[in-house]
Amino acid sequence: MLASVQSRIQIAAARVRRATIGRLLVVSAAALVASTMGCAAGPCTPAIATVQARLNTRLAAAAAAAPSLPESAQALHHRQPTPHSVASALIALGVLSPEKGKIIREAMARARQADQAGDNAACGQALEEVEHTIGP
């Protein structure tokens, strides 16, 4: 009897973790879209959005395939996950290397800076670095 109850609890906990990951991905994508809505569009803005969407898709797939971690303090306080926090969790799990995470963060920041400056060539180079890092 006790084993049956424990088994049901474990199954329910696994369902909650899977549902949490799904919600986390949806919220991350929504936060990304919302964060770019008020920005002035530069010459590279559509390309940045495309690369960011591919990156988010990759992070979502990796998060769905990765084992779960205990809830963070932020999650316990009902704070929503961000793409950065998802990437940090994947780094903690060993799914994403810290080096790749750093390269991606820095290259995306350079792309956004170049876009704001109107430097389409520099933006394109930074996005190529991201594309190369995340792979096909």
C-alpha atoms as a PDB file:
ATOM      1  CA  MET A   1       0.000   0.000   0.000  1.00  0.00           C
ATOM      2  CA  LEU A   2       2.737   2.494   0.990  1.00  0.00           C
ATOM      3  CA  ALA A   3       4.743   1.609  -2.123  1.00  0.00           C
ATOM      4  CA  SER A   4       1.689   2.296  -4.275  1.00  0.00           C
ATOM      5  CA  VAL A   5       1.185   5.721  -2.695  1.00  0.00           C
ATOM      6  CA  GLN A   6       4.876   6.575  -3.100  1.00  0.00           C
ATOM      7  CA  SER A   7       4.742   5.489  -6.722  1.00  0.00           C
ATOM      8  CA  ARG A   8       1.727   7.716  -7.372  1.00  0.00           C
ATOM      9  CA  ILE A   9       3.489  10.650  -5.715  1.00  0.00           C
ATOM     10  CA  GLN A  10       6.579  10.110  -7.879  1.00  0.00           C
ATOM     11  CA  ILE A  11       4.454   9.950 -11.038  1.00  0.00           C
ATOM     12  CA  ALA A  12       2.602  13.140 -10.062  1.00  0.00           C
ATOM     13  CA  ALA A  13       5.899  14.905  -9.300  1.00  0.00           C
ATOM     14  CA  ALA A  14       7.284  13.903 -12.704  1.00  0.00           C
ATOM     15  CA  ARG A  15       4.171  15.299 -14.412  1.00  0.00           C
ATOM     16  CA  VAL A  16       4.514  18.573 -12.532  1.00  0.00           C
ATOM     17  CA  ARG A  17       8.186  18.869 -13.562  1.00  0.00           C
ATOM     18  CA  ARG A  18       7.322  18.269 -17.236  1.00  0.00           C
ATOM     19  CA  ALA A  19       4.490  20.792 -17.086  1.00  0.00           C
ATOM     20  CA  THR A  20       6.785  23.312 -15.391  1.00  0.00           C
ATOM     21  CA  ILE A  21       9.370  22.979 -18.159  1.00  0.00           C
ATOM     22  CA  GLY A  22       6.684  23.530 -20.788  1.00  0.00           C
ATOM     23  CA  ARG A  23       5.416  26.641 -19.021  1.00  0.00           C
ATOM     24  CA  LEU A  24       8.988  27.845 -18.564  1.00  0.00           C
ATOM     25  CA  LEU A  25       9.609  27.669 -22.293  1.00  0.00           C
ATOM     26  CA  VAL A  26       6.418  29.496 -23.204  1.00  0.00           C
ATOM     27  CA  VAL A  27       7.117  32.233 -20.677  1.00  0.00           C
ATOM     28  CA  SER A  28      10.724  32.574 -21.882  1.00  0.00           C
ATOM     29  CA  ALA A  29       9.593  33.020 -25.476  1.00  0.00           C
ATOM     30  CA  ALA A  30       6.935  35.537 -24.438  1.00  0.00           C
ATOM     31  CA  ALA A  31       9.467  37.490 -22.362  1.00  0.00           C
ATOM     32  CA  LEU A  32      11.824  37.638 -25.301  1.00  0.00           C
ATOM     33  CA  VAL A  33       9.137  38.929 -27.634  1.00  0.00           C
ATOM     34  CA  ALA A  34       7.941  41.477 -25.079  1.00  0.00           C
ATOM     35  CA  SER A  35      11.477  42.696 -24.399  1.00  0.00           C
ATOM     36  CA  THR A  36      12.051  43.547 -28.056  1.00  0.00           C
ATOM     37  CA  MET A  37       8.693  45.196 -28.774  1.00  0.00           C
ATOM     38  CA  GLY A  38       9.563  48.634 -27.426  1.00  0.00           C
ATOM     39  CA  CYS A  39      12.972  48.820 -29.055  1.00  0.00           C
ATOM     40  CA  ALA A  40      13.771  50.888 -32.101  1.00  0.00           C
ATOM     41  CA  ALA A  41      14.389  48.580 -35.019  1.00  0.00           C
ATOM     42  CA  GLY A  42      17.822  48.664 -36.602  1.00  0.00           C
ATOM     43  CA  PRO A  43      18.940  47.174 -39.912  1.00  0.00           C
ATOM     44  CA  CYS A  44      19.717  43.825 -38.293  1.00  0.00           C
ATOM     45  CA  THR A  45      16.685  43.519 -35.985  1.00  0.00           C
ATOM     46  CA  PRO A  46      14.851  40.848 -38.051  1.00  0.00           C
ATOM     47  CA  ALA A  47      18.024  38.723 -38.242  1.00  0.00           C
ATOM     48  CA  ILE A  48      18.555  39.036 -34.482  1.00  0.00           C
ATOM     49  CA  ALA A  49      14.956  37.939 -33.869  1.00  0.00           C
ATOM     50  CA  THR A  50      15.413  34.939 -36.161  1.00  0.00           C
ATOM     51  CA  VAL A  51      18.629  33.826 -34.457  1.00  0.00           C
ATOM     52  CA  GLN A  52      17.097  34.404 -31.016  1.00  0.00           C
ATOM     53  CA  ALA A  53      14.105  32.265 -31.979  1.00  0.00           C
ATOM     54  CA  ARG A  54      16.410  29.464 -33.155  1.00  0.00           C
ATOM     55  CA  LEU A  55      18.383  29.767 -29.931  1.00  0.00           C
ATOM     56  CA  ASN A  56      15.193  29.625 -27.841  1.00  0.00           C
ATOM     57  CA  THR A  57      14.064  26.545 -29.779  1.00  0.00           C
ATOM     58  CA  ARG A  58      17.398  24.867 -29.064  1.00  0.00           C
ATOM     59  CA  LEU A  59      17.205  25.766 -25.371  1.00  0.00           C
ATOM     60  CA  ALA A  60      13.631  24.473 -25.206  1.00  0.00           C
ATOM     61  CA  ALA A  61      14.587  21.160 -26.779  1.00  0.00           C
ATOM     62  CA  ALA A  62      17.582  20.795 -24.464  1.00  0.00           C
ATOM     63  CA  ALA A  63      15.480  21.666 -21.408  1.00  0.00           C
ATOM     64  CA  ALA A  64      12.813  19.144 -22.382  1.00  0.00           C
ATOM     65  CA  ALA A  65      15.393  16.390 -22.781  1.00  0.00           C
ATOM     66  CA  ALA A  66      17.384  17.258 -19.654  1.00  0.00           C
ATOM     67  CA  PRO A  67      16.747  15.865 -16.202  1.00  0.00           C
ATOM     68  CA  SER A  68      14.992  18.252 -13.851  1.00  0.00           C
ATOM     69  CA  LEU A  69      16.564  20.254 -11.066  1.00  0.00           C
ATOM     70  CA  PRO A  70      14.983  21.240  -7.769  1.00  0.00           C
ATOM     71  CA  GLU A  71      12.983  24.454  -7.948  1.00  0.00           C
ATOM     72  CA  SER A  72      15.071  27.561  -7.489  1.00  0.00           C
ATOM     73  CA  ALA A  73      14.398  30.180  -4.854  1.00  0.00           C
ATOM     74  CA  GLN A  74      13.075  32.466  -7.601  1.00  0.00           C
ATOM     75  CA  ALA A  75      10.588  29.832  -8.734  1.00  0.00           C
ATOM     76  CA  LEU A  76       9.414  29.369  -5.170  1.00  0.00           C
ATOM     77  CA  HIS A  77       8.685  33.113  -5.074  1.00  0.00           C
ATOM     78  CA  HIS A  78       6.665  32.841  -8.307  1.00  0.00           C
ATOM     79  CA  ARG A  79       9.253  34.613 -10.439  1.00  0.00           C
ATOM     80  CA  GLN A  80       9.083  33.667 -14.098  1.00  0.00           C
ATOM     81  CA  PRO A  81      12.067  32.114 -15.861  1.00  0.00           C
ATOM     82  CA  THR A  82      14.054  34.050 -18.419  1.00  0.00           C
ATOM     83  CA  PRO A  83      16.057  32.728 -21.374  1.00  0.00           C
ATOM     84  CA  HIS A  84      19.147  33.510 -19.294  1.00  0.00           C
ATOM     85  CA  SER A  85      17.892  31.486 -16.321  1.00  0.00           C
ATOM     86  CA  VAL A  86      16.995  28.574 -18.611  1.00  0.00           C
ATOM     87  CA  ALA A  87      20.501  28.664 -20.089  1.00  0.00           C
ATOM     88  CA  SER A  88      21.993  28.871 -16.590  1.00  0.00           C
ATOM     89  CA  ALA A  89      20.032  25.785 -15.550  1.00  0.00           C
ATOM     90  CA  LEU A  90      21.229  23.908 -18.648  1.00  0.00           C
ATOM     91  CA  ILE A  91      24.815  24.883 -17.808  1.00  0.00           C
ATOM     92  CA  ALA A  92      24.303  23.620 -14.243  1.00  0.00           C
ATOM     93  CA  LEU A  93      23.026  20.310 -15.639  1.00  0.00           C
ATOM     94  CA  GLY A  94      25.998  20.013 -17.994  1.00  0.00           C
ATOM     95  CA  VAL A  95      23.757  20.137 -21.081  1.00  0.00           C
ATOM     96  CA  LEU A  96      25.282  23.425 -22.245  1.00  0.00           C
ATOM     97  CA  SER A  97      28.942  24.194 -21.680  1.00  0.00           C
ATOM     98  CA  PRO A  98      29.775  27.412 -19.823  1.00  0.00           C
ATOM     99  CA  GLU A  99      32.077  28.389 -22.700  1.00  0.00           C
ATOM    100  CA  LYS A 100      29.301  28.095 -25.296  1.00  0.00           C
ATOM    101  CA  GLY A 101      26.901  29.981 -23.043  1.00  0.00           C
ATOM    102  CA  LYS A 102      29.404  32.822 -22.691  1.00  0.00           C
ATOM    103  CA  ILE A 103      30.112  32.946 -26.436  1.00  0.00           C
ATOM    104  CA  ILE A 104      26.394  33.068 -27.240  1.00  0.00           C
ATOM    105  CA  ARG A 105      25.615  35.763 -24.630  1.00  0.00           C
ATOM    106  CA  GLU A 106      28.516  37.966 -25.723  1.00  0.00           C
ATOM    107  CA  ALA A 107      27.855  37.544 -29.453  1.00  0.00           C
ATOM    108  CA  MET A 108      24.143  38.341 -29.059  1.00  0.00           C
ATOM    109  CA  ALA A 109      25.048  41.454 -27.024  1.00  0.00           C
ATOM    110  CA  ARG A 110      27.488  42.536 -29.763  1.00  0.00           C
ATOM    111  CA  ALA A 111      24.817  41.959 -32.409  1.00  0.00           C
ATOM    112  CA  ARG A 112      22.319  44.139 -30.524  1.00  0.00           C
ATOM    113  CA  GLN A 113      24.914  46.884 -30.000  1.00  0.00           C
ATOM    114  CA  ALA A 114      25.870  46.813 -33.678  1.00  0.00           C
ATOM    115  CA  ASP A 115      22.187  46.911 -34.644  1.00  0.00           C
ATOM    116  CA  GLN A 116      21.591  49.984 -32.474  1.00  0.00           C
ATOM    117  CA  ALA A 117      24.650  51.625 -34.051  1.00  0.00           C
ATOM    118  CA  GLY A 118      23.366  50.766 -37.543  1.00  0.00           C
ATOM    119  CA  ASP A 119      26.392  48.540 -38.268  1.00  0.00           C
ATOM    120  CA  ASN A 120      24.835  45.733 -40.291  1.00  0.00           C
ATOM    121  CA  ALA A 121      28.190  44.060 -41.076  1.00  0.00           C
ATOM    122  CA  ALA A 122      29.254  43.783 -37.410  1.00  0.00           C
ATOM    123  CA  CYS A 123      25.788  42.564 -36.475  1.00  0.00           C
ATOM    124  CA  GLY A 124      25.949  39.882 -39.156  1.00  0.00           C
ATOM    125  CA  GLN A 125      29.366  38.719 -37.962  1.00  0.00           C
ATOM    126  CA  ALA A 126      28.144  38.413 -34.371  1.00  0.00           C
ATOM    127  CA  LEU A 127      25.069  36.469 -35.471  1.00  0.00           C
ATOM    128  CA  GLU A 128      27.237  34.139 -37.565  1.00  0.00           C
ATOM    129  CA  GLU A 129      29.241  33.416 -34.423  1.00  0.00           C
ATOM    130  CA  VAL A 130      26.044  32.516 -32.576  1.00  0.00           C
ATOM    131  CA  GLU A 131      24.859  30.323 -35.460  1.00  0.00           C
ATOM    132  CA  HIS A 132      28.216  28.545 -35.560  1.00  0.00           C
ATOM    133  CA  THR A 133      28.141  27.997 -31.787  1.00  0.00           C
ATOM    134  CA  ILE A 134      24.603  26.578 -31.646  1.00  0.00           C
ATOM    135  CA  GLY A 135      25.126  24.474 -34.775  1.00  0.00           C
ATOM    136  CA  PRO A 136      22.615  23.260 -37.363  1.00  0.00           C
END
